[in-house]
C-alpha cells in the first residue's frame, strides 16, 4: 500500500521539474521553507520515492500527482491534507 497523496492548497500554481525523470518536484523554498535535501533554484534535486506524491490545488487549477523525496514528503505532511492513494 502506498502513502496518501498529499494535497497542498496554494493561491497560484508554479511549475518546476528536474531534468531527470522521477525527481522530487518540491519547491522547498515556497512550500515548507526547509531544505532537507539538495536544493537548487528553490527546488529539491533529490530523487523522488515511489508512492510519495503531492498534488497542488489552486482556486482555478490542480496539478497532477508530483513525486516527492521522503524528507520533503515528511515536511509537507503537516501542511497538507491527505487523500488515499492507489493500493
N, C-alpha and C. Protein backbone atom coordinates (compact mmCIF):
# COMPACT_ATOMS: atom_id res chain seq x y z
N UNK A 1 0.84 -1.18 0.00
CA UNK A 1 0.00 0.00 0.00
C UNK A 1 0.89 1.24 0.00
N UNK A 2 0.53 2.23 -0.82
CA UNK A 2 1.34 3.44 -0.87
C UNK A 2 0.85 4.46 0.15
N UNK A 3 1.67 5.46 0.37
CA UNK A 3 1.32 6.55 1.28
C UNK A 3 0.19 7.37 0.64
N UNK A 4 -0.57 8.13 1.46
CA UNK A 4 -1.60 9.00 0.89
C UNK A 4 -1.00 10.09 0.01
N UNK A 5 -1.75 10.50 -1.01
CA UNK A 5 -1.34 11.64 -1.83
C UNK A 5 -1.60 12.90 -1.01
N UNK A 6 -0.58 13.73 -0.84
CA UNK A 6 -0.75 14.98 -0.10
C UNK A 6 -1.39 16.01 -1.02
N UNK A 7 -2.30 16.82 -0.49
CA UNK A 7 -2.94 17.90 -1.24
C UNK A 7 -2.57 19.21 -0.57
N UNK A 8 -1.85 20.05 -1.28
CA UNK A 8 -1.40 21.34 -0.75
C UNK A 8 -2.16 22.45 -1.46
N UNK A 9 -2.80 23.33 -0.71
CA UNK A 9 -3.59 24.42 -1.28
C UNK A 9 -2.73 25.68 -1.33
N UNK A 10 -2.62 26.26 -2.52
CA UNK A 10 -1.83 27.46 -2.74
C UNK A 10 -2.60 28.42 -3.63
N UNK A 11 -2.32 29.74 -3.56
CA UNK A 11 -3.05 30.69 -4.40
C UNK A 11 -2.70 30.59 -5.88
N UNK A 12 -1.48 30.16 -6.21
CA UNK A 12 -1.06 30.03 -7.61
C UNK A 12 -0.29 28.73 -7.78
N UNK A 13 -0.25 28.25 -9.02
CA UNK A 13 0.44 27.01 -9.35
C UNK A 13 1.76 27.33 -10.03
N UNK A 14 2.86 26.86 -9.46
CA UNK A 14 4.18 27.03 -10.06
C UNK A 14 4.60 25.71 -10.68
N UNK A 15 5.25 25.78 -11.82
CA UNK A 15 5.76 24.57 -12.46
C UNK A 15 7.26 24.49 -12.31
N UNK A 16 7.76 23.36 -11.85
CA UNK A 16 9.19 23.13 -11.74
C UNK A 16 9.43 21.65 -11.91
N UNK A 17 10.39 21.30 -12.73
CA UNK A 17 10.67 19.90 -12.97
C UNK A 17 12.17 19.71 -13.13
N UNK A 18 12.68 18.63 -12.56
CA UNK A 18 14.09 18.32 -12.72
C UNK A 18 14.34 17.86 -14.15
N UNK A 19 15.59 17.90 -14.56
CA UNK A 19 15.95 17.42 -15.89
C UNK A 19 15.84 15.91 -15.98
N UNK A 20 15.99 15.22 -14.86
CA UNK A 20 15.88 13.77 -14.88
C UNK A 20 14.46 13.35 -14.50
N UNK A 21 13.94 12.33 -15.12
CA UNK A 21 12.58 11.89 -14.78
C UNK A 21 12.50 11.30 -13.37
N UNK A 22 11.37 11.50 -12.72
CA UNK A 22 11.14 10.90 -11.41
C UNK A 22 11.76 11.62 -10.23
N UNK A 23 12.35 12.79 -10.46
CA UNK A 23 12.96 13.53 -9.37
C UNK A 23 11.92 14.22 -8.50
N UNK A 24 12.30 14.55 -7.28
CA UNK A 24 11.42 15.26 -6.35
C UNK A 24 10.99 16.58 -6.98
N UNK A 25 9.71 16.90 -6.90
CA UNK A 25 9.18 18.11 -7.53
C UNK A 25 8.84 19.19 -6.51
N UNK A 26 9.36 19.07 -5.30
CA UNK A 26 9.06 20.04 -4.25
C UNK A 26 9.81 21.34 -4.47
N UNK A 27 9.11 22.45 -4.32
CA UNK A 27 9.73 23.77 -4.28
C UNK A 27 9.88 24.13 -2.81
N UNK A 28 10.90 23.58 -2.19
CA UNK A 28 11.10 23.70 -0.74
C UNK A 28 10.97 25.13 -0.24
N UNK A 29 11.58 26.06 -0.93
CA UNK A 29 11.57 27.45 -0.50
C UNK A 29 10.18 28.07 -0.45
N UNK A 30 9.28 27.59 -1.29
CA UNK A 30 7.91 28.10 -1.29
C UNK A 30 6.96 27.28 -0.43
N UNK A 31 7.20 25.98 -0.34
CA UNK A 31 6.23 25.09 0.29
C UNK A 31 6.46 24.88 1.78
N UNK A 32 7.70 24.57 2.18
CA UNK A 32 7.89 24.28 3.60
C UNK A 32 9.09 24.99 4.21
N UNK A 33 9.76 25.82 3.44
CA UNK A 33 10.84 26.70 3.93
C UNK A 33 12.01 25.97 4.59
N UNK A 34 12.09 24.67 4.38
CA UNK A 34 13.22 23.91 4.89
C UNK A 34 13.93 23.29 3.70
N UNK A 35 15.17 22.98 3.84
CA UNK A 35 15.92 22.32 2.78
C UNK A 35 16.46 21.00 3.30
N UNK A 36 15.62 19.96 3.33
CA UNK A 36 16.06 18.68 3.89
C UNK A 36 17.04 17.96 2.98
N UNK A 37 17.09 18.30 1.73
CA UNK A 37 17.99 17.64 0.79
C UNK A 37 18.66 18.68 -0.08
N UNK A 38 19.30 18.24 -1.16
CA UNK A 38 19.95 19.19 -2.06
C UNK A 38 18.91 20.07 -2.77
N UNK A 39 19.13 21.38 -2.79
CA UNK A 39 18.17 22.31 -3.38
C UNK A 39 18.90 23.23 -4.35
N UNK A 40 18.27 23.47 -5.51
CA UNK A 40 18.79 24.43 -6.46
C UNK A 40 17.63 25.27 -6.98
N UNK A 41 17.80 26.56 -7.11
CA UNK A 41 16.77 27.47 -7.61
C UNK A 41 15.45 27.27 -6.89
N UNK A 42 15.49 26.96 -5.60
CA UNK A 42 14.28 26.80 -4.82
C UNK A 42 13.65 25.42 -4.88
N UNK A 43 14.16 24.54 -5.75
CA UNK A 43 13.57 23.21 -5.89
C UNK A 43 14.51 22.13 -5.42
N UNK A 44 13.96 21.07 -4.86
CA UNK A 44 14.74 19.94 -4.37
C UNK A 44 15.29 19.13 -5.55
N UNK A 45 16.50 18.68 -5.45
CA UNK A 45 17.11 17.89 -6.52
C UNK A 45 17.30 16.43 -6.15
N UNK A 46 16.73 15.99 -5.04
CA UNK A 46 16.82 14.58 -4.65
C UNK A 46 15.91 13.74 -5.56
N UNK A 47 16.14 12.44 -5.57
CA UNK A 47 15.29 11.54 -6.34
C UNK A 47 13.94 11.40 -5.64
N UNK A 48 12.87 11.32 -6.42
CA UNK A 48 11.56 11.06 -5.85
C UNK A 48 11.44 9.61 -5.45
N UNK A 49 10.68 9.32 -4.41
CA UNK A 49 10.47 7.93 -3.96
C UNK A 49 9.12 7.45 -4.49
N UNK A 50 9.08 6.22 -4.99
CA UNK A 50 7.82 5.68 -5.48
C UNK A 50 6.73 5.73 -4.40
N UNK A 51 5.55 6.19 -4.79
CA UNK A 51 4.41 6.23 -3.88
C UNK A 51 4.31 7.47 -3.01
N UNK A 52 5.31 8.35 -3.04
CA UNK A 52 5.24 9.60 -2.27
C UNK A 52 4.85 10.71 -3.24
N UNK A 53 3.60 11.15 -3.16
CA UNK A 53 3.06 12.07 -4.16
C UNK A 53 2.42 13.29 -3.53
N UNK A 54 2.45 14.39 -4.28
CA UNK A 54 1.86 15.66 -3.88
C UNK A 54 0.99 16.19 -5.02
N UNK A 55 -0.16 16.74 -4.67
CA UNK A 55 -0.99 17.45 -5.64
C UNK A 55 -1.15 18.87 -5.14
N UNK A 56 -0.92 19.85 -6.02
CA UNK A 56 -1.09 21.25 -5.67
C UNK A 56 -2.46 21.70 -6.17
N UNK A 57 -3.30 22.22 -5.27
CA UNK A 57 -4.62 22.72 -5.63
C UNK A 57 -4.61 24.24 -5.53
N UNK A 58 -5.09 24.90 -6.58
CA UNK A 58 -5.27 26.35 -6.59
C UNK A 58 -6.74 26.62 -6.87
N UNK A 59 -7.20 27.86 -6.71
CA UNK A 59 -8.61 28.13 -6.98
C UNK A 59 -9.05 27.74 -8.40
N UNK A 60 -8.16 27.83 -9.39
CA UNK A 60 -8.58 27.55 -10.75
C UNK A 60 -8.03 26.28 -11.37
N UNK A 61 -7.08 25.62 -10.71
CA UNK A 61 -6.41 24.50 -11.34
C UNK A 61 -5.75 23.61 -10.30
N UNK A 62 -5.58 22.35 -10.67
CA UNK A 62 -4.85 21.41 -9.81
C UNK A 62 -3.76 20.74 -10.63
N UNK A 63 -2.65 20.44 -10.00
CA UNK A 63 -1.59 19.72 -10.68
C UNK A 63 -1.92 18.23 -10.70
N UNK A 64 -1.20 17.49 -11.49
CA UNK A 64 -1.27 16.03 -11.41
C UNK A 64 -0.47 15.59 -10.21
N UNK A 65 -0.40 14.30 -9.92
CA UNK A 65 0.41 13.84 -8.80
C UNK A 65 1.90 14.04 -9.10
N UNK A 66 2.59 14.69 -8.19
CA UNK A 66 4.01 15.02 -8.35
C UNK A 66 4.84 14.19 -7.38
N UNK A 67 5.93 13.57 -7.85
CA UNK A 67 6.76 12.76 -6.95
C UNK A 67 7.53 13.62 -5.95
N UNK A 68 7.73 13.07 -4.76
CA UNK A 68 8.50 13.73 -3.71
C UNK A 68 9.55 12.78 -3.15
N UNK A 69 10.60 13.36 -2.56
CA UNK A 69 11.55 12.56 -1.79
C UNK A 69 10.98 12.41 -0.37
N UNK A 70 11.51 11.50 0.41
CA UNK A 70 11.00 11.25 1.77
C UNK A 70 11.10 12.50 2.66
N UNK A 71 12.23 13.23 2.68
CA UNK A 71 12.29 14.42 3.57
C UNK A 71 11.26 15.48 3.21
N UNK A 72 11.03 15.72 1.92
CA UNK A 72 10.04 16.73 1.54
C UNK A 72 8.62 16.24 1.85
N UNK A 73 8.34 14.96 1.61
CA UNK A 73 7.03 14.40 1.92
C UNK A 73 6.74 14.55 3.42
N UNK A 74 7.74 14.25 4.24
CA UNK A 74 7.58 14.36 5.69
C UNK A 74 7.34 15.82 6.10
N UNK A 75 8.11 16.75 5.53
CA UNK A 75 7.95 18.17 5.87
C UNK A 75 6.59 18.69 5.44
N UNK A 76 6.10 18.25 4.28
CA UNK A 76 4.82 18.74 3.77
C UNK A 76 3.61 18.07 4.41
N UNK A 77 3.80 16.91 4.99
CA UNK A 77 2.65 16.17 5.53
C UNK A 77 1.93 16.94 6.64
N UNK A 78 2.63 17.79 7.36
CA UNK A 78 1.97 18.57 8.42
C UNK A 78 1.24 19.79 7.85
N UNK A 79 1.56 20.18 6.62
CA UNK A 79 0.94 21.36 6.00
C UNK A 79 -0.19 21.02 5.04
N UNK A 80 -0.25 19.78 4.60
CA UNK A 80 -1.18 19.39 3.54
C UNK A 80 -2.23 18.42 4.06
N UNK A 81 -3.34 18.39 3.35
CA UNK A 81 -4.35 17.35 3.59
C UNK A 81 -3.89 16.10 2.85
N UNK A 82 -4.43 14.97 3.18
CA UNK A 82 -4.02 13.72 2.54
C UNK A 82 -5.25 13.01 1.98
N UNK A 83 -5.05 12.37 0.83
CA UNK A 83 -6.07 11.54 0.21
C UNK A 83 -5.45 10.18 -0.02
N UNK A 84 -6.25 9.15 0.12
CA UNK A 84 -5.73 7.79 -0.07
C UNK A 84 -5.26 7.63 -1.50
N UNK A 85 -4.06 7.12 -1.66
CA UNK A 85 -3.50 6.82 -2.97
C UNK A 85 -3.89 5.44 -3.41
N UNK A 86 -3.45 5.02 -4.59
CA UNK A 86 -3.76 3.67 -5.07
C UNK A 86 -3.09 2.62 -4.19
N UNK A 87 -3.74 1.50 -4.03
CA UNK A 87 -3.20 0.41 -3.21
C UNK A 87 -2.24 -0.44 -4.01
